[in-house]
Amino acid sequence: MFGLGALMASFAGSLTSMMFEITPMIGLPYTIIAIIAVVLGGLGNILGSLIGGFILGLIGNIVMYIHPGLSLIAYYFIFLLLLLVKPTGIFGK
């Protein structure tokens, strides 16, 4: 699994480097979105992380339709709202 994860990360990194300028912080927005998806679903819950990522994708597309520059702010707002309402996540114990 570690090898498969490293393979997928290297593939995603090579594709990302073709679209954007290579800088040390090129993957930071993607990492933040992934962390928010995992916390949204509940730490340690794989199904929750999948559902959290689906929710973030759905809300991100809705916000991008309204105003493309506000998608990352919407992710932070959802993250803050979740931590205030239910700190363990949707499927957390």
PDB file of N, CA and C in Angstrom:
ATOM      1  N   MET A   1       0.808  -1.172   0.000  1.00  0.00           N
ATOM      2  CA  MET A   1       0.000   0.000   0.000  1.00  0.00           C
ATOM      3  C   MET A   1       0.866   1.257   0.000  1.00  0.00           C
ATOM      4  N   PHE A   2       1.969   1.194   0.756  1.00  0.00           N
ATOM      5  CA  PHE A   2       2.848   2.356   0.757  1.00  0.00           C
ATOM      6  C   PHE A   2       3.420   2.599  -0.631  1.00  0.00           C
ATOM      7  N   GLY A   3       3.814   1.523  -1.304  1.00  0.00           N
ATOM      8  CA  GLY A   3       4.354   1.650  -2.657  1.00  0.00           C
ATOM      9  C   GLY A   3       3.310   2.182  -3.631  1.00  0.00           C
ATOM     10  N   LEU A   4       2.081   1.702  -3.502  1.00  0.00           N
ATOM     11  CA  LEU A   4       1.002   2.175  -4.367  1.00  0.00           C
ATOM     12  C   LEU A   4       0.712   3.649  -4.105  1.00  0.00           C
ATOM     13  N   GLY A   5       0.715   4.047  -2.821  1.00  0.00           N
ATOM     14  CA  GLY A   5       0.499   5.452  -2.486  1.00  0.00           C
ATOM     15  C   GLY A   5       1.616   6.337  -3.021  1.00  0.00           C
ATOM     16  N   ALA A   6       2.871   5.854  -2.922  1.00  0.00           N
ATOM     17  CA  ALA A   6       4.003   6.622  -3.453  1.00  0.00           C
ATOM     18  C   ALA A   6       3.927   6.728  -4.967  1.00  0.00           C
ATOM     19  N   LEU A   7       3.485   5.666  -5.627  1.00  0.00           N
ATOM     20  CA  LEU A   7       3.334   5.688  -7.084  1.00  0.00           C
ATOM     21  C   LEU A   7       2.271   6.703  -7.504  1.00  0.00           C
ATOM     22  N   MET A   8       1.141   6.695  -6.826  1.00  0.00           N
ATOM     23  CA  MET A   8       0.081   7.641  -7.172  1.00  0.00           C
ATOM     24  C   MET A   8       0.490   9.080  -6.870  1.00  0.00           C
ATOM     25  N   ALA A   9       1.221   9.291  -5.758  1.00  0.00           N
ATOM     26  CA  ALA A   9       1.675  10.645  -5.424  1.00  0.00           C
ATOM     27  C   ALA A   9       2.692  11.151  -6.443  1.00  0.00           C
ATOM     28  N   SER A  10       3.580  10.287  -6.906  1.00  0.00           N
ATOM     29  CA  SER A  10       4.563  10.720  -7.912  1.00  0.00           C
ATOM     30  C   SER A  10       3.881  11.006  -9.247  1.00  0.00           C
ATOM     31  N   PHE A  11       2.885  10.211  -9.587  1.00  0.00           N
ATOM     32  CA  PHE A  11       2.143  10.454 -10.822  1.00  0.00           C
ATOM     33  C   PHE A  11       1.388  11.787 -10.753  1.00  0.00           C
ATOM     34  N   ALA A  12       0.735  12.038  -9.608  1.00  0.00           N
ATOM     35  CA  ALA A  12       0.009  13.307  -9.438  1.00  0.00           C
ATOM     36  C   ALA A  12       0.974  14.486  -9.425  1.00  0.00           C
ATOM     37  N   GLY A  13       2.140  14.307  -8.817  1.00  0.00           N
ATOM     38  CA  GLY A  13       3.133  15.385  -8.792  1.00  0.00           C
ATOM     39  C   GLY A  13       3.674  15.702 -10.170  1.00  0.00           C
ATOM     40  N   SER A  14       3.892  14.674 -10.974  1.00  0.00           N
ATOM     41  CA  SER A  14       4.393  14.938 -12.327  1.00  0.00           C
ATOM     42  C   SER A  14       3.339  15.632 -13.182  1.00  0.00           C
ATOM     43  N   LEU A  15       2.074  15.269 -13.011  1.00  0.00           N
ATOM     44  CA  LEU A  15       1.011  15.949 -13.761  1.00  0.00           C
ATOM     45  C   LEU A  15       0.821  17.384 -13.281  1.00  0.00           C
ATOM     46  N   THR A  16       0.920  17.601 -11.972  1.00  0.00           N
ATOM     47  CA  THR A  16       0.776  18.954 -11.433  1.00  0.00           C
ATOM     48  C   THR A  16       1.914  19.852 -11.888  1.00  0.00           C
ATOM     49  N   SER A  17       3.115  19.284 -11.985  1.00  0.00           N
ATOM     50  CA  SER A  17       4.265  20.104 -12.402  1.00  0.00           C
ATOM     51  C   SER A  17       4.166  20.524 -13.863  1.00  0.00           C
ATOM     52  N   MET A  18       3.371  19.819 -14.645  1.00  0.00           N
ATOM     53  CA  MET A  18       3.174  20.232 -16.040  1.00  0.00           C
ATOM     54  C   MET A  18       2.201  21.394 -16.161  1.00  0.00           C
ATOM     55  N   MET A  19       1.307  21.537 -15.176  1.00  0.00           N
ATOM     56  CA  MET A  19       0.296  22.589 -15.249  1.00  0.00           C
ATOM     57  C   MET A  19       0.733  23.881 -14.576  1.00  0.00           C
ATOM     58  N   PHE A  20       1.540  23.764 -13.507  1.00  0.00           N
ATOM     59  CA  PHE A  20       1.907  24.931 -12.717  1.00  0.00           C
ATOM     60  C   PHE A  20       3.422  25.056 -12.630  1.00  0.00           C
ATOM     61  N   GLU A  21       3.861  26.229 -12.243  1.00  0.00           N
ATOM     62  CA  GLU A  21       5.274  26.487 -12.017  1.00  0.00           C
ATOM     63  C   GLU A  21       5.749  25.686 -10.799  1.00  0.00           C
ATOM     64  N   ILE A  22       6.933  25.111 -10.868  1.00  0.00           N
ATOM     65  CA  ILE A  22       7.449  24.293  -9.778  1.00  0.00           C
ATOM     66  C   ILE A  22       8.014  25.205  -8.687  1.00  0.00           C
ATOM     67  N   THR A  23       7.418  25.131  -7.515  1.00  0.00           N
ATOM     68  CA  THR A  23       7.852  25.877  -6.342  1.00  0.00           C
ATOM     69  C   THR A  23       7.810  24.934  -5.138  1.00  0.00           C
ATOM     70  N   PRO A  24       8.422  25.293  -4.030  1.00  0.00           N
ATOM     71  CA  PRO A  24       8.353  24.423  -2.857  1.00  0.00           C
ATOM     72  C   PRO A  24       6.942  24.242  -2.292  1.00  0.00           C
ATOM     73  N   MET A  25       6.061  25.186  -2.542  1.00  0.00           N
ATOM     74  CA  MET A  25       4.706  25.112  -1.993  1.00  0.00           C
ATOM     75  C   MET A  25       3.664  24.702  -3.028  1.00  0.00           C
ATOM     76  N   ILE A  26       4.060  23.966  -4.058  1.00  0.00           N
ATOM     77  CA  ILE A  26       3.141  23.631  -5.147  1.00  0.00           C
ATOM     78  C   ILE A  26       1.995  22.724  -4.687  1.00  0.00           C
ATOM     79  N   GLY A  27       2.231  21.871  -3.714  1.00  0.00           N
ATOM     80  CA  GLY A  27       1.195  20.937  -3.290  1.00  0.00           C
ATOM     81  C   GLY A  27       0.450  21.331  -2.035  1.00  0.00           C
ATOM     82  N   LEU A  28       0.729  22.499  -1.487  1.00  0.00           N
ATOM     83  CA  LEU A  28       0.116  22.902  -0.226  1.00  0.00           C
ATOM     84  C   LEU A  28      -1.413  22.982  -0.284  1.00  0.00           C
ATOM     85  N   PRO A  29      -2.021  23.593  -1.311  1.00  0.00           N
ATOM     86  CA  PRO A  29      -3.497  23.627  -1.328  1.00  0.00           C
ATOM     87  C   PRO A  29      -4.119  22.229  -1.390  1.00  0.00           C
ATOM     88  N   TYR A  30      -3.480  21.310  -2.111  1.00  0.00           N
ATOM     89  CA  TYR A  30      -4.005  19.953  -2.205  1.00  0.00           C
ATOM     90  C   TYR A  30      -3.866  19.213  -0.876  1.00  0.00           C
ATOM     91  N   THR A  31      -2.781  19.475  -0.168  1.00  0.00           N
ATOM     92  CA  THR A  31      -2.586  18.862   1.134  1.00  0.00           C
ATOM     93  C   THR A  31      -3.599  19.380   2.141  1.00  0.00           C
ATOM     94  N   ILE A  32      -3.877  20.661   2.112  1.00  0.00           N
ATOM     95  CA  ILE A  32      -4.866  21.243   3.025  1.00  0.00           C
ATOM     96  C   ILE A  32      -6.250  20.670   2.745  1.00  0.00           C
ATOM     97  N   ILE A  33      -6.603  20.532   1.493  1.00  0.00           N
ATOM     98  CA  ILE A  33      -7.912  19.965   1.138  1.00  0.00           C
ATOM     99  C   ILE A  33      -8.000  18.519   1.597  1.00  0.00           C
ATOM    100  N   ALA A  34      -6.917  17.757   1.452  1.00  0.00           N
ATOM    101  CA  ALA A  34      -6.917  16.359   1.893  1.00  0.00           C
ATOM    102  C   ALA A  34      -7.062  16.258   3.408  1.00  0.00           C
ATOM    103  N   ILE A  35      -6.367  17.106   4.153  1.00  0.00           N
ATOM    104  CA  ILE A  35      -6.481  17.085   5.612  1.00  0.00           C
ATOM    105  C   ILE A  35      -7.897  17.451   6.050  1.00  0.00           C
ATOM    106  N   ILE A  36      -8.487  18.437   5.403  1.00  0.00           N
ATOM    107  CA  ILE A  36      -9.860  18.835   5.743  1.00  0.00           C
ATOM    108  C   ILE A  36     -10.834  17.699   5.435  1.00  0.00           C
ATOM    109  N   ALA A  37     -10.624  16.986   4.335  1.00  0.00           N
ATOM    110  CA  ALA A  37     -11.504  15.857   3.985  1.00  0.00           C
ATOM    111  C   ALA A  37     -11.399  14.736   5.012  1.00  0.00           C
ATOM    112  N   VAL A  38     -10.199  14.451   5.478  1.00  0.00           N
ATOM    113  CA  VAL A  38     -10.009  13.388   6.469  1.00  0.00           C
ATOM    114  C   VAL A  38     -10.628  13.777   7.805  1.00  0.00           C
ATOM    115  N   VAL A  39     -10.429  15.015   8.240  1.00  0.00           N
ATOM    116  CA  VAL A  39     -11.008  15.463   9.506  1.00  0.00           C
ATOM    117  C   VAL A  39     -12.523  15.574   9.400  1.00  0.00           C
ATOM    118  N   LEU A  40     -13.023  15.973   8.237  1.00  0.00           N
ATOM    119  CA  LEU A  40     -14.463  16.083   8.032  1.00  0.00           C
ATOM    120  C   LEU A  40     -15.144  14.729   8.187  1.00  0.00           C
ATOM    121  N   GLY A  41     -14.532  13.684   7.653  1.00  0.00           N
ATOM    122  CA  GLY A  41     -15.112  12.351   7.760  1.00  0.00           C
ATOM    123  C   GLY A  41     -14.891  11.701   9.107  1.00  0.00           C
ATOM    124  N   GLY A  42     -13.862  12.076   9.810  1.00  0.00           N
ATOM    125  CA  GLY A  42     -13.524  11.456  11.092  1.00  0.00           C
ATOM    126  C   GLY A  42     -12.164  10.796  10.972  1.00  0.00           C
ATOM    127  N   LEU A  43     -11.271  11.130  11.859  1.00  0.00           N
ATOM    128  CA  LEU A  43      -9.914  10.588  11.790  1.00  0.00           C
ATOM    129  C   LEU A  43      -9.939   9.070  11.975  1.00  0.00           C
ATOM    130  N   GLY A  44      -9.251   8.355  11.108  1.00  0.00           N
ATOM    131  CA  GLY A  44      -9.177   6.905  11.197  1.00  0.00           C
ATOM    132  C   GLY A  44     -10.327   6.178  10.537  1.00  0.00           C
ATOM    133  N   ASN A  45     -11.247   6.855   9.926  1.00  0.00           N
ATOM    134  CA  ASN A  45     -12.392   6.230   9.280  1.00  0.00           C
ATOM    135  C   ASN A  45     -12.261   6.417   7.774  1.00  0.00           C
ATOM    136  N   ILE A  46     -11.996   5.340   7.060  1.00  0.00           N
ATOM    137  CA  ILE A  46     -11.758   5.426   5.622  1.00  0.00           C
ATOM    138  C   ILE A  46     -13.030   5.807   4.874  1.00  0.00           C
ATOM    139  N   LEU A  47     -14.142   5.194   5.229  1.00  0.00           N
ATOM    140  CA  LEU A  47     -15.409   5.543   4.580  1.00  0.00           C
ATOM    141  C   LEU A  47     -15.783   7.000   4.867  1.00  0.00           C
ATOM    142  N   GLY A  48     -15.529   7.449   6.087  1.00  0.00           N
ATOM    143  CA  GLY A  48     -15.797   8.844   6.433  1.00  0.00           C
ATOM    144  C   GLY A  48     -14.939   9.804   5.628  1.00  0.00           C
ATOM    145  N   SER A  49     -13.669   9.431   5.407  1.00  0.00           N
ATOM    146  CA  SER A  49     -12.792  10.280   4.589  1.00  0.00           C
ATOM    147  C   SER A  49     -13.290  10.354   3.154  1.00  0.00           C
ATOM    148  N   LEU A  50     -13.782   9.246   2.636  1.00  0.00           N
ATOM    149  CA  LEU A  50     -14.339   9.232   1.281  1.00  0.00           C
ATOM    150  C   LEU A  50     -15.567  10.132   1.198  1.00  0.00           C
ATOM    151  N   ILE A  51     -16.438  10.021   2.162  1.00  0.00           N
ATOM    152  CA  ILE A  51     -17.639  10.852   2.169  1.00  0.00           C
ATOM    153  C   ILE A  51     -17.279  12.320   2.419  1.00  0.00           C
ATOM    154  N   GLY A  52     -16.298  12.573   3.287  1.00  0.00           N
ATOM    155  CA  GLY A  52     -15.834  13.936   3.521  1.00  0.00           C
ATOM    156  C   GLY A  52     -15.255  14.564   2.262  1.00  0.00           C
ATOM    157  N   GLY A  53     -14.488  13.778   1.498  1.00  0.00           N
ATOM    158  CA  GLY A  53     -13.965  14.276   0.229  1.00  0.00           C
ATOM    159  C   GLY A  53     -15.060  14.546  -0.779  1.00  0.00           C
ATOM    160  N   PHE A  54     -16.079  13.694  -0.789  1.00  0.00           N
ATOM    161  CA  PHE A  54     -17.215  13.912  -1.690  1.00  0.00           C
ATOM    162  C   PHE A  54     -17.955  15.191  -1.326  1.00  0.00           C
ATOM    163  N   ILE A  55     -18.159  15.413  -0.025  1.00  0.00           N
ATOM    164  CA  ILE A  55     -18.845  16.631   0.430  1.00  0.00           C
ATOM    165  C   ILE A  55     -18.029  17.865   0.060  1.00  0.00           C
ATOM    166  N   LEU A  56     -16.708  17.802   0.291  1.00  0.00           N
ATOM    167  CA  LEU A  56     -15.863  18.949  -0.066  1.00  0.00           C
ATOM    168  C   LEU A  56     -15.879  19.213  -1.566  1.00  0.00           C
ATOM    169  N   GLY A  57     -15.847  18.156  -2.361  1.00  0.00           N
ATOM    170  CA  GLY A  57     -15.895  18.333  -3.805  1.00  0.00           C
ATOM    171  C   GLY A  57     -17.200  18.948  -4.269  1.00  0.00           C
ATOM    172  N   LEU A  58     -18.290  18.502  -3.672  1.00  0.00           N
ATOM    173  CA  LEU A  58     -19.604  19.031  -4.037  1.00  0.00           C
ATOM    174  C   LEU A  58     -19.717  20.510  -3.665  1.00  0.00           C
ATOM    175  N   ILE A  59     -19.337  20.841  -2.450  1.00  0.00           N
ATOM    176  CA  ILE A  59     -19.417  22.233  -2.013  1.00  0.00           C
ATOM    177  C   ILE A  59     -18.420  23.098  -2.776  1.00  0.00           C
ATOM    178  N   GLY A  60     -17.229  22.567  -3.050  1.00  0.00           N
ATOM    179  CA  GLY A  60     -16.241  23.320  -3.817  1.00  0.00           C
ATOM    180  C   GLY A  60     -16.722  23.649  -5.218  1.00  0.00           C
ATOM    181  N   ASN A  61     -17.399  22.700  -5.869  1.00  0.00           N
ATOM    182  CA  ASN A  61     -17.921  22.973  -7.210  1.00  0.00           C
ATOM    183  C   ASN A  61     -19.062  23.976  -7.181  1.00  0.00           C
ATOM    184  N   ILE A  62     -19.896  23.913  -6.159  1.00  0.00           N
ATOM    185  CA  ILE A  62     -20.979  24.888  -6.051  1.00  0.00           C
ATOM    186  C   ILE A  62     -20.408  26.287  -5.850  1.00  0.00           C
ATOM    187  N   VAL A  63     -19.413  26.407  -4.977  1.00  0.00           N
ATOM    188  CA  VAL A  63     -18.809  27.719  -4.716  1.00  0.00           C
ATOM    189  C   VAL A  63     -18.047  28.206  -5.946  1.00  0.00           C
ATOM    190  N   MET A  64     -17.371  27.310  -6.662  1.00  0.00           N
ATOM    191  CA  MET A  64     -16.656  27.713  -7.882  1.00  0.00           C
ATOM    192  C   MET A  64     -17.611  28.203  -8.960  1.00  0.00           C
ATOM    193  N   TYR A  65     -18.806  27.666  -8.979  1.00  0.00           N
ATOM    194  CA  TYR A  65     -19.797  28.130  -9.944  1.00  0.00           C
ATOM    195  C   TYR A  65     -20.196  29.571  -9.638  1.00  0.00           C
ATOM    196  N   ILE A  66     -20.305  29.887  -8.345  1.00  0.00           N
ATOM    197  CA  ILE A  66     -20.697  31.235  -7.932  1.00  0.00           C
ATOM    198  C   ILE A  66     -19.531  32.208  -8.083  1.00  0.00           C
ATOM    199  N   HIS A  67     -18.371  31.858  -7.480  1.00  0.00           N
ATOM    200  CA  HIS A  67     -17.185  32.725  -7.545  1.00  0.00           C
ATOM    201  C   HIS A  67     -15.947  31.834  -7.407  1.00  0.00           C
ATOM    202  N   PRO A  68     -15.149  31.665  -8.459  1.00  0.00           N
ATOM    203  CA  PRO A  68     -14.033  30.712  -8.438  1.00  0.00           C
ATOM    204  C   PRO A  68     -12.961  30.996  -7.388  1.00  0.00           C
ATOM    205  N   GLY A  69     -12.766  32.216  -6.997  1.00  0.00           N
ATOM    206  CA  GLY A  69     -11.712  32.539  -6.054  1.00  0.00           C
ATOM    207  C   GLY A  69     -12.031  32.205  -4.603  1.00  0.00           C
ATOM    208  N   LEU A  70     -13.261  31.853  -4.314  1.00  0.00           N
ATOM    209  CA  LEU A  70     -13.673  31.622  -2.939  1.00  0.00           C
ATOM    210  C   LEU A  70     -13.718  30.154  -2.536  1.00  0.00           C
ATOM    211  N   SER A  71     -13.254  29.252  -3.371  1.00  0.00           N
ATOM    212  CA  SER A  71     -13.380  27.825  -3.054  1.00  0.00           C
ATOM    213  C   SER A  71     -12.542  27.430  -1.843  1.00  0.00           C
ATOM    214  N   LEU A  72     -11.302  27.889  -1.760  1.00  0.00           N
ATOM    215  CA  LEU A  72     -10.460  27.533  -0.618  1.00  0.00           C
ATOM    216  C   LEU A  72     -10.994  28.162   0.669  1.00  0.00           C
ATOM    217  N   ILE A  73     -11.555  29.340   0.573  1.00  0.00           N
ATOM    218  CA  ILE A  73     -12.163  29.983   1.745  1.00  0.00           C
ATOM    219  C   ILE A  73     -13.381  29.187   2.206  1.00  0.00           C
ATOM    220  N   ALA A  74     -14.135  28.639   1.269  1.00  0.00           N
ATOM    221  CA  ALA A  74     -15.282  27.810   1.623  1.00  0.00           C
ATOM    222  C   ALA A  74     -14.824  26.538   2.336  1.00  0.00           C
ATOM    223  N   TYR A  75     -13.695  25.954   1.905  1.00  0.00           N
ATOM    224  CA  TYR A  75     -13.154  24.773   2.579  1.00  0.00           C
ATOM    225  C   TYR A  75     -12.772  25.101   4.017  1.00  0.00           C
ATOM    226  N   TYR A  76     -12.115  26.255   4.218  1.00  0.00           N
ATOM    227  CA  TYR A  76     -11.738  26.663   5.569  1.00  0.00           C
ATOM    228  C   TYR A  76     -12.972  26.914   6.430  1.00  0.00           C
ATOM    229  N   PHE A  77     -13.997  27.517   5.838  1.00  0.00           N
ATOM    230  CA  PHE A  77     -15.226  27.793   6.583  1.00  0.00           C
ATOM    231  C   PHE A  77     -15.900  26.491   7.010  1.00  0.00           C
ATOM    232  N   ILE A  78     -15.965  25.508   6.113  1.00  0.00           N
ATOM    233  CA  ILE A  78     -16.559  24.211   6.449  1.00  0.00           C
ATOM    234  C   ILE A  78     -15.754  23.529   7.544  1.00  0.00           C
ATOM    235  N   PHE A  79     -14.428  23.619   7.436  1.00  0.00           N
ATOM    236  CA  PHE A  79     -13.545  23.028   8.436  1.00  0.00           C
ATOM    237  C   PHE A  79     -13.764  23.664   9.806  1.00  0.00           C
ATOM    238  N   LEU A  80     -13.841  24.983   9.846  1.00  0.00           N
ATOM    239  CA  LEU A  80     -14.068  25.696  11.099  1.00  0.00           C
ATOM    240  C   LEU A  80     -15.436  25.366  11.671  1.00  0.00           C
ATOM    241  N   LEU A  81     -16.447  25.339  10.832  1.00  0.00           N
ATOM    242  CA  LEU A  81     -17.797  25.013  11.279  1.00  0.00           C
ATOM    243  C   LEU A  81     -17.865  23.593  11.831  1.00  0.00           C
ATOM    244  N   LEU A  82     -17.191  22.665  11.174  1.00  0.00           N
ATOM    245  CA  LEU A  82     -17.188  21.284  11.656  1.00  0.00           C
ATOM    246  C   LEU A  82     -16.496  21.175  13.005  1.00  0.00           C
ATOM    247  N   LEU A  83     -15.367  21.854  13.166  1.00  0.00           N
ATOM    248  CA  LEU A  83     -14.649  21.782  14.435  1.00  0.00           C
ATOM    249  C   LEU A  83     -15.443  22.408  15.575  1.00  0.00           C
ATOM    250  N   LEU A  84     -16.267  23.390  15.272  1.00  0.00           N
ATOM    251  CA  LEU A  84     -17.098  23.993  16.302  1.00  0.00           C
ATOM    252  C   LEU A  84     -18.293  23.110  16.660  1.00  0.00           C
ATOM    253  N   VAL A  85     -18.911  22.491  15.647  1.00  0.00           N
ATOM    254  CA  VAL A  85     -20.123  21.706  15.884  1.00  0.00           C
ATOM    255  C   VAL A  85     -19.792  20.305  16.371  1.00  0.00           C
ATOM    256  N   LYS A  86     -18.941  19.592  15.639  1.00  0.00           N
ATOM    257  CA  LYS A  86     -18.609  18.206  15.996  1.00  0.00           C
ATOM    258  C   LYS A  86     -17.120  17.978  15.753  1.00  0.00           C
ATOM    259  N   PRO A  87     -16.288  18.158  16.767  1.00  0.00           N
ATOM    260  CA  PRO A  87     -14.833  18.080  16.579  1.00  0.00           C
ATOM    261  C   PRO A  87     -14.316  16.713  16.159  1.00  0.00           C
ATOM    262  N   THR A  88     -15.081  15.651  16.361  1.00  0.00           N
ATOM    263  CA  THR A  88     -14.606  14.311  15.997  1.00  0.00           C
ATOM    264  C   THR A  88     -14.862  13.979  14.529  1.00  0.00           C
ATOM    265  N   GLY A  89     -15.583  14.804  13.816  1.00  0.00           N
ATOM    266  CA  GLY A  89     -15.898  14.528  12.424  1.00  0.00           C
ATOM    267  C   GLY A  89     -17.276  13.912  12.274  1.00  0.00           C
ATOM    268  N   ILE A  90     -17.677  13.672  11.051  1.00  0.00           N
ATOM    269  CA  ILE A  90     -19.023  13.140  10.797  1.00  0.00           C
ATOM    270  C   ILE A  90     -19.172  11.738  11.354  1.00  0.00           C
ATOM    271  N   PHE A  91     -18.206  10.862  11.081  1.00  0.00           N
ATOM    272  CA  PHE A  91     -18.284   9.472  11.547  1.00  0.00           C
ATOM    273  C   PHE A  91     -17.308   9.205  12.689  1.00  0.00           C
ATOM    274  N   GLY A  92     -16.863  10.229  13.369  1.00  0.00           N
ATOM    275  CA  GLY A  92     -15.933  10.057  14.489  1.00  0.00           C
ATOM    276  C   GLY A  92     -16.626   9.528  15.722  1.00  0.00           C
ATOM    277  N   LYS A  93     -15.836   8.908  16.596  1.00  0.00           N
ATOM    278  CA  LYS A  93     -16.401   8.329  17.825  1.00  0.00           C
ATOM    279  C   LYS A  93     -16.314   9.302  18.969  1.00  0.00           C
TER     280      LYS A  93
END
